[in-house]
Amino acid sequence: MIRIWARTVVDGKITRSYIYESIDNFVEDKFHAHIEKMCHELDIPTPAILKSHITNYVDFNNAVFLPRDFVESIDFDKFIIENASVSN
């Protein structure tokens, strides 16, 4: 099961927040699909996903998307995703 906390930040303050859950296990090939669903729920554009975003999520349990990662204009400074799964 995947559980990811997605949020947008402006001047260090959270402006949108969403907990995404999926029964799927994490697979790098489906990372983009998960990001698309989170962005849809937050009503923000989907960013360009680089290998470094996937690597940061896998290695450090989070990834940060900056304005340069979006093709469309955005109203926030950062889009952050963080692994929120509780391990037993």
N, C-alpha and C. Protein backbone atom coordinates (compact mmCIF):
# COMPACT_ATOMS: atom_id res chain seq x y z
N MET A 1 0.84 -1.19 0.00
CA MET A 1 0.00 0.00 0.00
C MET A 1 0.88 1.25 0.00
N ILE A 2 0.46 2.22 -0.75
CA ILE A 2 1.17 3.50 -0.82
C ILE A 2 0.34 4.55 -0.10
N ARG A 3 1.03 5.36 0.67
CA ARG A 3 0.39 6.50 1.32
C ARG A 3 1.36 7.67 1.21
N ILE A 4 0.93 8.74 0.54
CA ILE A 4 1.81 9.88 0.28
C ILE A 4 1.12 11.16 0.71
N TRP A 5 1.85 11.99 1.44
CA TRP A 5 1.35 13.31 1.82
C TRP A 5 1.84 14.29 0.76
N ALA A 6 0.92 14.89 0.05
CA ALA A 6 1.23 15.87 -0.99
C ALA A 6 0.79 17.25 -0.51
N ARG A 7 1.63 18.26 -0.74
CA ARG A 7 1.27 19.60 -0.29
C ARG A 7 1.94 20.67 -1.13
N THR A 8 1.28 21.81 -1.20
CA THR A 8 1.88 22.98 -1.84
C THR A 8 2.27 23.95 -0.74
N VAL A 9 3.35 24.70 -0.99
CA VAL A 9 3.88 25.61 0.01
C VAL A 9 4.12 26.98 -0.61
N VAL A 10 3.72 28.03 0.11
CA VAL A 10 3.99 29.41 -0.28
C VAL A 10 4.61 30.10 0.94
N ASP A 11 5.79 30.67 0.75
CA ASP A 11 6.50 31.36 1.84
C ASP A 11 6.59 30.51 3.10
N GLY A 12 6.86 29.22 2.93
CA GLY A 12 7.03 28.32 4.06
C GLY A 12 5.74 27.84 4.71
N LYS A 13 4.59 28.23 4.18
CA LYS A 13 3.31 27.82 4.75
C LYS A 13 2.57 26.90 3.80
N ILE A 14 1.96 25.87 4.35
CA ILE A 14 1.20 24.92 3.55
C ILE A 14 -0.10 25.57 3.09
N THR A 15 -0.33 25.54 1.77
CA THR A 15 -1.55 26.13 1.22
C THR A 15 -2.56 25.09 0.77
N ARG A 16 -2.09 23.92 0.39
CA ARG A 16 -2.96 22.79 0.03
C ARG A 16 -2.31 21.53 0.60
N SER A 17 -3.15 20.60 1.00
CA SER A 17 -2.62 19.36 1.56
C SER A 17 -3.56 18.22 1.20
N TYR A 18 -2.99 17.07 0.90
CA TYR A 18 -3.79 15.91 0.50
C TYR A 18 -3.02 14.64 0.85
N ILE A 19 -3.70 13.68 1.44
CA ILE A 19 -3.11 12.36 1.69
C ILE A 19 -3.61 11.42 0.60
N TYR A 20 -2.68 10.97 -0.22
CA TYR A 20 -2.99 10.06 -1.32
C TYR A 20 -2.77 8.63 -0.85
N GLU A 21 -3.73 7.76 -1.14
CA GLU A 21 -3.59 6.35 -0.80
C GLU A 21 -3.90 5.49 -2.01
N SER A 22 -3.13 4.43 -2.15
CA SER A 22 -3.35 3.47 -3.22
C SER A 22 -3.01 2.08 -2.68
N ILE A 23 -3.77 1.10 -3.12
CA ILE A 23 -3.51 -0.26 -2.66
C ILE A 23 -2.31 -0.88 -3.37
N ASP A 24 -1.83 -0.22 -4.43
CA ASP A 24 -0.67 -0.71 -5.16
C ASP A 24 0.59 -0.60 -4.31
N ASN A 25 1.55 -1.47 -4.57
CA ASN A 25 2.88 -1.31 -4.00
C ASN A 25 3.63 -0.30 -4.86
N PHE A 26 4.63 0.35 -4.29
CA PHE A 26 5.37 1.36 -5.03
C PHE A 26 6.19 0.71 -6.14
N VAL A 27 5.99 1.22 -7.35
CA VAL A 27 6.77 0.79 -8.52
C VAL A 27 7.15 2.07 -9.25
N GLU A 28 8.43 2.22 -9.55
CA GLU A 28 8.91 3.44 -10.19
C GLU A 28 8.19 3.74 -11.50
N ASP A 29 7.82 2.71 -12.24
CA ASP A 29 7.14 2.90 -13.52
C ASP A 29 5.77 3.55 -13.38
N LYS A 30 5.15 3.45 -12.21
CA LYS A 30 3.83 4.04 -12.00
C LYS A 30 3.89 5.36 -11.22
N PHE A 31 5.09 5.86 -10.97
CA PHE A 31 5.27 7.09 -10.20
C PHE A 31 4.51 8.25 -10.84
N HIS A 32 4.61 8.38 -12.15
CA HIS A 32 3.94 9.47 -12.85
C HIS A 32 2.43 9.40 -12.68
N ALA A 33 1.86 8.23 -12.75
CA ALA A 33 0.41 8.07 -12.59
C ALA A 33 -0.04 8.50 -11.19
N HIS A 34 0.75 8.16 -10.18
CA HIS A 34 0.42 8.57 -8.81
C HIS A 34 0.49 10.09 -8.67
N ILE A 35 1.51 10.70 -9.24
CA ILE A 35 1.67 12.16 -9.19
C ILE A 35 0.48 12.83 -9.89
N GLU A 36 0.09 12.30 -11.05
CA GLU A 36 -1.07 12.86 -11.77
C GLU A 36 -2.32 12.86 -10.91
N LYS A 37 -2.57 11.77 -10.21
CA LYS A 37 -3.76 11.67 -9.36
C LYS A 37 -3.70 12.67 -8.21
N MET A 38 -2.53 12.81 -7.60
CA MET A 38 -2.38 13.78 -6.50
C MET A 38 -2.62 15.21 -7.00
N CYS A 39 -2.03 15.53 -8.14
CA CYS A 39 -2.19 16.87 -8.70
C CYS A 39 -3.63 17.15 -9.06
N HIS A 40 -4.32 16.15 -9.58
CA HIS A 40 -5.74 16.31 -9.91
C HIS A 40 -6.54 16.65 -8.65
N GLU A 41 -6.28 15.92 -7.57
CA GLU A 41 -7.01 16.16 -6.31
C GLU A 41 -6.69 17.53 -5.73
N LEU A 42 -5.46 18.01 -5.91
CA LEU A 42 -5.06 19.32 -5.40
C LEU A 42 -5.42 20.45 -6.37
N ASP A 43 -5.88 20.08 -7.56
CA ASP A 43 -6.23 21.04 -8.60
C ASP A 43 -5.03 21.91 -8.99
N ILE A 44 -3.92 21.22 -9.27
CA ILE A 44 -2.70 21.89 -9.73
C ILE A 44 -2.21 21.18 -10.99
N PRO A 45 -1.39 21.85 -11.81
CA PRO A 45 -0.85 21.18 -12.99
C PRO A 45 0.10 20.05 -12.59
N THR A 46 0.26 19.09 -13.46
CA THR A 46 1.21 18.00 -13.22
C THR A 46 2.61 18.45 -13.64
N PRO A 47 3.59 18.27 -12.76
CA PRO A 47 4.95 18.70 -13.10
C PRO A 47 5.65 17.71 -14.03
N ALA A 48 6.72 18.17 -14.62
CA ALA A 48 7.61 17.26 -15.35
C ALA A 48 8.36 16.46 -14.30
N ILE A 49 8.37 15.16 -14.46
CA ILE A 49 9.01 14.29 -13.47
C ILE A 49 10.35 13.83 -14.00
N LEU A 50 11.40 14.16 -13.28
CA LEU A 50 12.75 13.79 -13.67
C LEU A 50 13.19 12.56 -12.88
N LYS A 51 14.22 11.92 -13.36
CA LYS A 51 14.78 10.77 -12.65
C LYS A 51 15.19 11.16 -11.24
N SER A 52 15.68 12.40 -11.08
CA SER A 52 16.11 12.86 -9.75
C SER A 52 14.94 12.92 -8.76
N HIS A 53 13.74 13.23 -9.23
CA HIS A 53 12.57 13.23 -8.35
C HIS A 53 12.28 11.82 -7.85
N ILE A 54 12.32 10.88 -8.76
CA ILE A 54 12.07 9.48 -8.39
C ILE A 54 13.15 8.98 -7.44
N THR A 55 14.39 9.29 -7.75
CA THR A 55 15.51 8.87 -6.90
C THR A 55 15.38 9.46 -5.50
N ASN A 56 15.05 10.75 -5.41
CA ASN A 56 14.89 11.38 -4.09
C ASN A 56 13.76 10.73 -3.31
N TYR A 57 12.66 10.40 -3.99
CA TYR A 57 11.54 9.77 -3.30
C TYR A 57 11.94 8.38 -2.80
N VAL A 58 12.61 7.62 -3.63
CA VAL A 58 13.02 6.26 -3.25
C VAL A 58 14.07 6.30 -2.13
N ASP A 59 15.07 7.16 -2.27
CA ASP A 59 16.17 7.20 -1.31
C ASP A 59 15.86 7.96 -0.02
N PHE A 60 15.09 9.05 -0.13
CA PHE A 60 14.88 9.93 1.02
C PHE A 60 13.41 10.07 1.44
N ASN A 61 12.51 9.33 0.78
CA ASN A 61 11.08 9.34 1.11
C ASN A 61 10.39 10.68 0.85
N ASN A 62 10.99 11.54 0.05
CA ASN A 62 10.31 12.77 -0.34
C ASN A 62 10.88 13.30 -1.65
N ALA A 63 10.11 14.15 -2.29
CA ALA A 63 10.56 14.81 -3.52
C ALA A 63 9.94 16.20 -3.54
N VAL A 64 10.72 17.15 -4.02
CA VAL A 64 10.28 18.54 -4.08
C VAL A 64 10.25 18.99 -5.53
N PHE A 65 9.13 19.54 -5.95
CA PHE A 65 8.97 20.07 -7.30
C PHE A 65 8.93 21.59 -7.19
N LEU A 66 9.77 22.26 -7.94
CA LEU A 66 9.87 23.73 -7.94
C LEU A 66 9.16 24.29 -9.16
N PRO A 67 8.95 25.61 -9.22
CA PRO A 67 8.26 26.19 -10.38
C PRO A 67 8.87 25.81 -11.73
N ARG A 68 10.17 25.62 -11.78
CA ARG A 68 10.81 25.26 -13.04
C ARG A 68 10.41 23.86 -13.53
N ASP A 69 9.81 23.06 -12.66
CA ASP A 69 9.38 21.71 -13.03
C ASP A 69 7.98 21.69 -13.65
N PHE A 70 7.33 22.85 -13.71
CA PHE A 70 5.98 22.95 -14.25
C PHE A 70 6.00 23.73 -15.56
N VAL A 71 5.23 23.28 -16.53
CA VAL A 71 5.11 23.98 -17.80
C VAL A 71 4.16 25.16 -17.63
N GLU A 72 3.08 24.94 -16.90
CA GLU A 72 2.08 25.98 -16.67
C GLU A 72 2.49 26.85 -15.48
N SER A 73 1.90 28.03 -15.40
CA SER A 73 2.18 28.89 -14.25
C SER A 73 1.49 28.32 -13.02
N ILE A 74 2.12 28.52 -11.87
CA ILE A 74 1.59 27.99 -10.61
C ILE A 74 1.52 29.11 -9.57
N ASP A 75 0.73 28.89 -8.53
CA ASP A 75 0.55 29.89 -7.49
C ASP A 75 1.19 29.46 -6.17
N PHE A 76 2.25 28.67 -6.24
CA PHE A 76 2.95 28.21 -5.04
C PHE A 76 4.44 28.13 -5.31
N ASP A 77 5.22 28.03 -4.23
CA ASP A 77 6.68 27.99 -4.34
C ASP A 77 7.22 26.57 -4.51
N LYS A 78 6.55 25.61 -3.87
CA LYS A 78 6.99 24.22 -3.91
C LYS A 78 5.79 23.29 -3.88
N PHE A 79 5.95 22.16 -4.53
CA PHE A 79 5.02 21.04 -4.41
C PHE A 79 5.85 19.91 -3.83
N ILE A 80 5.48 19.47 -2.65
CA ILE A 80 6.27 18.47 -1.92
C ILE A 80 5.44 17.20 -1.75
N ILE A 81 6.07 16.07 -2.02
CA ILE A 81 5.43 14.80 -1.71
C ILE A 81 6.33 14.08 -0.71
N GLU A 82 5.69 13.39 0.21
CA GLU A 82 6.44 12.70 1.26
C GLU A 82 5.76 11.39 1.59
N ASN A 83 6.55 10.35 1.72
CA ASN A 83 6.03 9.04 2.07
C ASN A 83 5.38 9.13 3.45
N ALA A 84 4.12 8.77 3.53
CA ALA A 84 3.38 8.82 4.80
C ALA A 84 2.97 7.43 5.25
N SER A 85 3.55 6.40 4.66
CA SER A 85 3.23 5.03 5.05
C SER A 85 3.81 4.74 6.41
N VAL A 86 3.04 4.05 7.21
CA VAL A 86 3.51 3.65 8.53
C VAL A 86 4.01 2.22 8.41
N SER A 87 5.27 2.03 8.75
CA SER A 87 5.82 0.67 8.68
C SER A 87 5.69 -0.01 10.02
N ASN A 88 5.38 -1.29 9.99
CA ASN A 88 5.19 -2.06 11.22
C ASN A 88 6.48 -2.71 11.65
